């Protein structure tokens, strides 16, 4: 296989997904190598996705190869209405789209030892609707698709799992869901792409592209506190009120009082649960998102959500139009300073998932 790529790292890279453009036939490529180092790689539209590590300014001459680098898998269990994501043979997260729940959720999200970053007790009495990672909004044309009151809640029903990928460098899938009122009256359609990469548990990334389409008339997202569209509920040991959690953001804010309702390019929740050690969850907002940078509905009790609606006002999606929200989430088992997180954020902006 005589295909090479030359890439100069603009900043330090540590297991970062990078797109390498090429019009060559890349069928069968599972890795790229340089100077005795081997990196997981997978063909994507217009080139190769490689998970690279390099020093700032280092030039890598990468040779395409078919070496086994482990990989990532996305496998659907139709009976349980669950899609299982794994990285390097270790469970990472389950996407549960069972209609027994009013909306799908991703979780629990775990490290290689099965320690969960998120709370996913399915019948929890306190905020039971906050299951691990959700896509939800509390006011869609007046319908509550965040809370789950039995007599009035809206529903998010999966219609299709599609474009499922298992490969050396990444695993991905897309989920199409219809949002309805309590009587099954259609509100809009959601298509979300989930992508996880072949990285160690030191810092594992999940990319999300959430697209809402107003295919049943105008959609008004009301100015509600119960909204994301992205919402994450952290494990109790990472809570700031009763656990070890610390909240911070890209603008230097620390704690709920300095992060809740504040604009920031990224927000972070980290701690060191007893018997487990350092854990952290960071969410990167993307400049393409409406009214960037987002405000954050991040609470000491463990809720972590990106929410412009409550803090910046309602948003109307006209009939036939679509809007896309793009985020990257870091699930990490190491401490990272604000400077390190900001450097990762800059790399994200340069290589946000577009072709996979």
Protein backbone atom coordinates (compact mmCIF):
# COMPACT_ATOMS: atom_id res chain seq x y z
CA UNK A 1 0.00 0.00 0.00
CA UNK A 2 1.93 3.03 -1.28
CA UNK A 3 -0.13 5.95 0.06
CA UNK A 4 1.35 8.66 2.26
CA UNK A 5 0.12 11.78 4.00
CA UNK A 6 2.20 14.68 5.32
CA UNK A 7 0.70 16.45 8.32
CA UNK A 8 2.19 19.18 10.51
CA UNK A 9 0.56 19.52 13.92
CA UNK A 10 -0.31 23.18 14.64
CA UNK A 11 -0.41 22.40 18.36
CA UNK A 12 0.21 19.42 20.60
CA UNK A 13 -2.10 16.52 19.73
CA UNK A 14 -2.94 13.69 22.10
CA UNK A 15 -5.16 11.09 20.46
CA UNK A 16 -7.03 13.69 18.41
CA UNK A 17 -9.25 12.78 15.42
CA UNK A 18 -7.79 14.50 12.36
CA UNK A 19 -9.08 14.50 8.77
CA UNK A 20 -6.47 13.78 6.07
CA UNK A 21 -7.72 14.64 2.59
CA UNK A 22 -7.05 12.23 -0.28
CA UNK A 23 -8.59 11.13 -3.57
CA UNK A 24 -6.76 7.77 -3.46
CA UNK A 25 -8.50 4.42 -3.05
CA UNK A 26 -8.27 3.93 0.74
CA UNK A 27 -10.22 0.69 0.93
CA UNK A 28 -8.65 -1.63 3.49
CA UNK A 29 -6.75 1.09 5.36
CA UNK A 30 -6.99 0.62 9.14
CA UNK A 31 -3.92 2.55 10.30
CA UNK A 32 -1.20 5.05 9.42
CA UNK A 33 2.38 4.75 10.65
CA UNK A 34 5.29 7.13 11.16
CA UNK A 35 8.69 6.49 12.76
CA UNK A 36 7.60 3.25 14.36
CA UNK A 37 4.37 4.73 15.71
CA UNK A 38 1.03 3.37 14.53
CA UNK A 39 -2.23 5.32 14.65
CA UNK A 40 -5.76 4.04 14.08
CA UNK A 41 -7.27 5.28 10.81
CA UNK A 42 -10.44 4.73 8.77
CA UNK A 43 -11.54 5.77 5.28
CA UNK A 44 -14.18 8.52 5.23
CA UNK A 45 -15.67 10.64 2.49
CA UNK A 46 -12.81 12.43 0.72
CA UNK A 47 -9.96 11.00 2.72
CA UNK A 48 -8.98 9.36 5.98
CA UNK A 49 -9.83 9.91 9.62
CA UNK A 50 -6.78 9.25 11.80
CA UNK A 51 -6.44 9.45 15.60
CA UNK A 52 -3.07 11.20 15.94
CA UNK A 53 -0.61 12.20 18.64
CA UNK A 54 2.18 14.69 17.90
CA UNK A 55 4.14 17.54 19.41
CA UNK A 56 3.33 21.11 18.38
CA UNK A 57 5.02 21.83 15.05
CA UNK A 58 5.97 18.19 14.46
CA UNK A 59 5.65 17.03 10.86
CA UNK A 60 4.39 13.48 10.42
CA UNK A 61 4.91 11.55 7.19
CA UNK A 62 2.21 8.95 7.53
CA UNK A 63 2.09 5.73 5.54
CA UNK A 64 -1.27 4.06 5.07
CA UNK A 65 -1.37 0.46 6.32
CA UNK A 66 -3.71 -2.29 7.44
CA UNK A 67 -2.32 -2.95 10.92
CA UNK A 68 -4.81 -3.97 13.59
CA UNK A 69 -5.31 -1.08 16.05
CA UNK A 70 -8.27 -2.52 17.89
CA UNK A 71 -11.17 -0.30 17.00
CA UNK A 72 -14.65 0.87 17.87
CA UNK A 73 -17.96 -0.88 17.38
CA UNK A 74 -21.61 0.13 17.18
CA UNK A 75 -23.94 -2.87 17.44
CA UNK A 76 -27.73 -2.75 17.60
CA UNK A 77 -29.74 -5.17 19.74
CA UNK A 78 -33.17 -5.04 18.12
CA UNK A 79 -34.83 -7.03 20.92
CA UNK A 80 -33.85 -4.57 23.67
CA UNK A 81 -34.04 -1.52 21.39
CA UNK A 82 -30.48 -0.66 22.38
CA UNK A 83 -27.34 0.20 20.43
CA UNK A 84 -24.07 -0.71 22.16
CA UNK A 85 -20.98 1.46 21.63
CA UNK A 86 -17.56 0.07 22.55
CA UNK A 87 -13.98 1.32 22.26
CA UNK A 88 -11.01 -1.03 22.18
CA UNK A 89 -13.20 -3.92 23.29
CA UNK A 90 -14.51 -1.99 26.31
CA UNK A 91 -18.12 -0.89 26.72
CA UNK A 92 -18.49 2.88 26.36
CA UNK A 93 -22.22 3.65 26.27
CA UNK A 94 -25.63 2.30 25.30
CA UNK A 95 -28.12 4.26 23.23
CA UNK A 96 -31.52 3.17 24.54
CA UNK A 97 -34.46 3.89 22.24
CA UNK A 98 -37.02 1.62 23.90
CA UNK A 99 -40.48 3.26 23.67
CA UNK A 100 -41.03 2.27 27.30
CA UNK A 101 -39.19 5.55 28.00
CA UNK A 102 -40.70 8.85 26.81
CA UNK A 103 -37.45 9.74 25.04
CA UNK A 104 -34.17 7.98 24.14
CA UNK A 105 -31.05 8.33 26.26
CA UNK A 106 -27.35 7.52 25.95
CA UNK A 107 -25.99 5.84 29.03
CA UNK A 108 -24.54 4.96 31.25
CA UNK A 109 -21.27 6.34 29.84
CA UNK A 110 -18.43 4.36 31.38
CA UNK A 111 -14.65 4.01 31.54
CA UNK A 112 -12.86 0.73 30.84
CA UNK A 113 -13.53 -0.54 34.37
CA UNK A 114 -17.24 0.13 34.16
CA UNK A 115 -17.16 3.26 36.34
CA UNK A 116 -19.92 5.56 35.13
CA UNK A 117 -19.53 9.26 34.48
CA UNK A 118 -23.29 9.69 34.36
CA UNK A 119 -26.33 8.80 36.43
CA UNK A 120 -28.52 6.26 34.70
CA UNK A 121 -30.72 4.75 37.38
CA UNK A 122 -33.79 4.35 35.22
CA UNK A 123 -36.40 4.75 37.96
CA UNK A 124 -34.74 7.45 40.10
CA UNK A 125 -37.25 9.51 42.13
CA UNK A 126 -35.30 12.80 41.90
CA UNK A 127 -35.43 14.27 38.37
CA UNK A 128 -36.13 10.80 36.89
CA UNK A 129 -36.19 12.24 33.36
CA UNK A 130 -32.50 13.18 33.58
CA UNK A 131 -31.12 9.85 32.35
CA UNK A 132 -27.41 10.12 31.63
CA UNK A 133 -27.33 12.00 28.30
CA UNK A 134 -30.52 13.22 26.65
CA UNK A 135 -31.67 15.47 23.82
CA UNK A 136 -34.67 17.32 25.18
CA UNK A 137 -36.47 20.67 25.28
CA UNK A 138 -39.14 21.65 27.80
CA UNK A 139 -41.24 23.85 25.53
CA UNK A 140 -41.80 22.86 21.90
CA UNK A 141 -44.94 24.64 20.68
CA UNK A 142 -46.00 24.61 24.32
CA UNK A 143 -45.36 20.87 24.75
CA UNK A 144 -42.96 19.68 27.48
CA UNK A 145 -40.47 17.23 25.94
CA UNK A 146 -38.07 17.44 28.90
CA UNK A 147 -40.04 16.50 32.00
CA UNK A 148 -42.12 13.32 31.94
CA UNK A 149 -45.42 14.02 33.67
CA UNK A 150 -47.60 11.04 32.88
CA UNK A 151 -50.67 13.05 31.89
CA UNK A 152 -49.12 15.72 29.67
CA UNK A 153 -45.54 15.10 28.49
CA UNK A 154 -44.45 15.07 24.90
CA UNK A 155 -42.61 12.11 23.40
CA UNK A 156 -39.49 11.52 21.34
CA UNK A 157 -39.95 8.26 19.43
CA UNK A 158 -37.16 6.65 17.44
CA UNK A 159 -38.10 5.91 13.84
CA UNK A 160 -34.79 4.60 12.51
CA UNK A 161 -31.17 3.81 13.38
CA UNK A 162 -29.08 4.27 10.24
CA UNK A 163 -25.56 4.88 8.84
CA UNK A 164 -24.03 2.62 11.50
CA UNK A 165 -20.22 2.40 11.34
CA UNK A 166 -17.76 0.17 13.20
CA UNK A 167 -14.13 0.78 12.25
CA UNK A 168 -10.52 1.13 13.36
CA UNK A 169 -10.64 4.87 14.14
CA UNK A 170 -14.25 5.45 15.13
CA UNK A 171 -17.77 4.14 15.58
CA UNK A 172 -20.85 6.11 14.63
CA UNK A 173 -24.58 5.93 14.08
CA UNK A 174 -27.47 8.23 13.31
CA UNK A 175 -30.88 8.19 14.99
CA UNK A 176 -34.04 9.62 13.46
CA UNK A 177 -36.81 10.46 15.92
CA UNK A 178 -40.21 12.10 15.74
CA UNK A 179 -41.16 14.58 18.45
CA UNK A 180 -44.87 14.56 19.31
CA UNK A 181 -47.33 15.97 21.78
CA UNK A 182 -49.01 13.72 24.35
CA UNK A 183 -51.62 12.60 21.80
CA UNK A 184 -49.03 11.72 19.12
CA UNK A 185 -49.49 14.94 17.17
CA UNK A 186 -46.25 15.49 15.29
CA UNK A 187 -44.11 18.48 16.31
CA UNK A 188 -40.86 18.01 14.34
CA UNK A 189 -38.19 15.51 13.30
CA UNK A 190 -34.77 15.06 14.91
CA UNK A 191 -31.76 13.46 13.23
CA UNK A 192 -28.70 13.06 15.46
CA UNK A 193 -25.25 11.73 14.57
CA UNK A 194 -23.20 10.14 17.39
CA UNK A 195 -19.45 9.56 16.87
CA UNK A 196 -16.93 8.05 19.32
CA UNK A 197 -13.21 7.59 18.61
CA UNK A 198 -10.51 4.99 19.22
CA UNK A 199 -8.91 6.73 22.20
CA UNK A 200 -7.77 5.58 25.60
CA UNK A 201 -9.93 6.31 28.62
CA UNK A 202 -7.57 9.14 29.62
CA UNK A 203 -9.70 11.35 27.36
CA UNK A 204 -12.43 9.86 25.21
CA UNK A 205 -14.52 12.07 22.91
CA UNK A 206 -18.12 11.91 21.76
CA UNK A 207 -19.21 14.16 18.89
CA UNK A 208 -22.88 15.07 18.40
CA UNK A 209 -24.66 16.74 15.48
CA UNK A 210 -28.31 17.33 16.37
CA UNK A 211 -30.59 18.49 13.54
CA UNK A 212 -34.19 19.54 14.09
CA UNK A 213 -36.47 19.91 11.05
CA UNK A 214 -39.80 21.73 11.14
CA UNK A 215 -41.60 19.30 8.85
CA UNK A 216 -45.05 19.82 10.41
CA UNK A 217 -45.29 23.60 10.49
CA UNK A 218 -43.51 26.30 12.48
CA UNK A 219 -41.74 25.18 15.66
CA UNK A 220 -41.30 27.56 18.58
CA UNK A 221 -38.78 26.62 21.24
CA UNK A 222 -40.02 28.48 24.30
CA UNK A 223 -37.80 30.32 26.83
CA UNK A 224 -37.67 27.39 29.22
CA UNK A 225 -35.13 26.46 31.86
CA UNK A 226 -35.85 22.77 31.21
CA UNK A 227 -33.90 22.58 27.99
CA UNK A 228 -30.69 21.78 26.21
CA UNK A 229 -31.05 20.62 23.55
CA UNK A 230 -28.14 18.72 25.12
CA UNK A 231 -28.55 17.59 28.71
CA UNK A 232 -26.21 15.45 30.83
CA UNK A 233 -26.80 14.19 34.36
CA UNK A 234 -23.57 13.35 36.21
CA UNK A 235 -23.10 10.58 38.75
CA UNK A 236 -23.83 11.69 42.32
CA UNK A 237 -20.16 11.51 43.36
CA UNK A 238 -19.42 14.26 40.82
CA UNK A 239 -22.12 16.58 42.15
CA UNK A 240 -20.85 19.84 43.60
CA UNK A 241 -23.39 19.92 46.43
CA UNK A 242 -22.93 16.46 47.96
CA UNK A 243 -19.98 15.01 46.04
CA UNK A 244 -16.51 15.94 44.85
CA UNK A 245 -17.52 17.98 41.82
CA UNK A 246 -16.09 21.31 40.69
CA UNK A 247 -17.69 23.42 37.94
CA UNK A 248 -15.68 25.75 35.71
CA UNK A 249 -15.85 27.35 32.28
CA UNK A 250 -13.73 28.88 29.51
CA UNK A 251 -14.25 32.40 30.84
CA UNK A 252 -12.67 31.62 34.22
CA UNK A 253 -15.91 31.00 36.09
CA UNK A 254 -15.81 28.58 39.02
CA UNK A 255 -18.81 27.08 40.78
CA UNK A 256 -22.51 27.26 40.01
CA UNK A 257 -22.81 30.97 40.82
CA UNK A 258 -20.18 31.85 38.19
CA UNK A 259 -21.17 29.29 35.54
CA UNK A 260 -24.97 29.00 35.65
CA UNK A 261 -26.56 31.20 33.01
CA UNK A 262 -23.19 32.46 31.80
CA UNK A 263 -21.95 32.39 28.21
CA UNK A 264 -18.84 30.28 27.58
CA UNK A 265 -17.21 28.37 24.75
CA UNK A 266 -16.92 25.32 26.97
CA UNK A 267 -17.96 24.22 30.42
CA UNK A 268 -16.47 21.52 32.65
CA UNK A 269 -17.49 19.36 35.61
CA UNK A 270 -14.79 17.31 37.34
CA UNK A 271 -13.86 15.64 40.60
CA UNK A 272 -12.22 12.59 42.17
CA UNK A 273 -14.82 10.15 43.54
CA UNK A 274 -13.49 8.08 46.41
CA UNK A 275 -12.11 4.75 45.25
CA UNK A 276 -12.13 5.82 41.59
CA UNK A 277 -9.94 8.91 41.20
CA UNK A 278 -9.99 11.72 38.68
CA UNK A 279 -13.04 11.94 36.41
CA UNK A 280 -14.23 14.83 34.30
CA UNK A 281 -16.86 15.73 31.70
CA UNK A 282 -16.33 18.74 29.40
CA UNK A 283 -18.73 20.04 26.75
CA UNK A 284 -17.50 22.13 23.81
CA UNK A 285 -19.94 24.45 22.06
CA UNK A 286 -19.38 25.04 18.34
CA UNK A 287 -19.35 28.48 16.60
CA UNK A 288 -21.95 27.27 14.07
CA UNK A 289 -24.55 26.88 16.83
CA UNK A 290 -27.25 29.53 17.09
CA UNK A 291 -26.47 32.48 19.37
CA UNK A 292 -22.96 31.12 20.06
CA UNK A 293 -21.48 30.97 22.61
CA UNK A 294 -24.21 29.19 24.48
CA UNK A 295 -25.33 29.92 28.01
CA UNK A 296 -25.11 26.99 30.43
CA UNK A 297 -27.77 25.49 32.64
CA UNK A 298 -25.21 23.81 34.89
CA UNK A 299 -26.19 23.03 38.46
CA UNK A 300 -24.47 21.92 41.65
CA UNK A 301 -26.84 18.94 41.86
CA UNK A 302 -25.29 17.38 38.74
CA UNK A 303 -27.27 18.68 35.75
CA UNK A 304 -25.07 19.88 32.87
CA UNK A 305 -26.91 21.41 29.90
CA UNK A 306 -26.26 23.86 27.07
CA UNK A 307 -29.29 26.17 27.04
CA UNK A 308 -29.71 29.40 25.09
CA UNK A 309 -33.50 29.37 25.35
CA UNK A 310 -33.93 30.32 29.01
CA UNK A 311 -31.14 32.86 29.03
CA UNK A 312 -31.45 34.34 25.52
CA UNK A 313 -35.13 33.90 24.73
CA UNK A 314 -37.36 31.79 22.50
CA UNK A 315 -36.32 30.61 19.06
CA UNK A 316 -38.62 30.02 16.07
CA UNK A 317 -37.86 27.45 13.40
CA UNK A 318 -39.97 28.23 10.33
CA UNK A 319 -41.87 25.49 8.51
CA UNK A 320 -39.57 23.50 6.24
CA UNK A 321 -36.38 24.80 7.85
CA UNK A 322 -33.76 22.93 9.86
CA UNK A 323 -31.32 23.89 12.60
CA UNK A 324 -28.22 21.95 13.66
CA UNK A 325 -26.46 21.96 17.03
CA UNK A 326 -22.91 20.60 17.16
CA UNK A 327 -21.07 19.61 20.35
CA UNK A 328 -18.06 17.63 21.49
CA UNK A 329 -18.07 15.97 24.92
CA UNK A 330 -14.89 14.83 26.66
CA UNK A 331 -15.21 11.95 29.12
CA UNK A 332 -11.84 11.81 30.85
CA UNK A 333 -10.03 9.94 33.58
CA UNK A 334 -7.32 12.57 34.02
CA UNK A 335 -7.14 16.11 35.31
CA UNK A 336 -6.89 18.90 32.73
CA UNK A 337 -6.15 22.53 33.39
CA UNK A 338 -8.19 25.30 31.78
CA UNK A 339 -5.29 25.92 29.38
CA UNK A 340 -5.26 22.25 28.37
CA UNK A 341 -9.02 22.24 27.80
CA UNK A 342 -8.77 25.43 25.75
CA UNK A 343 -6.07 23.86 23.58
CA UNK A 344 -8.30 20.83 23.01
CA UNK A 345 -11.11 23.19 22.12
CA UNK A 346 -9.02 24.92 19.46
CA UNK A 347 -8.17 21.54 17.95
CA UNK A 348 -11.86 20.66 17.95
CA UNK A 349 -12.66 23.82 15.99
CA UNK A 350 -10.08 22.84 13.38
CA UNK A 351 -11.22 19.22 13.04
CA UNK A 352 -14.89 19.05 14.06
CA UNK A 353 -16.55 15.98 12.56
CA UNK A 354 -17.97 16.82 9.16
CA UNK A 355 -17.40 13.76 6.97
CA UNK A 356 -18.09 10.77 9.21
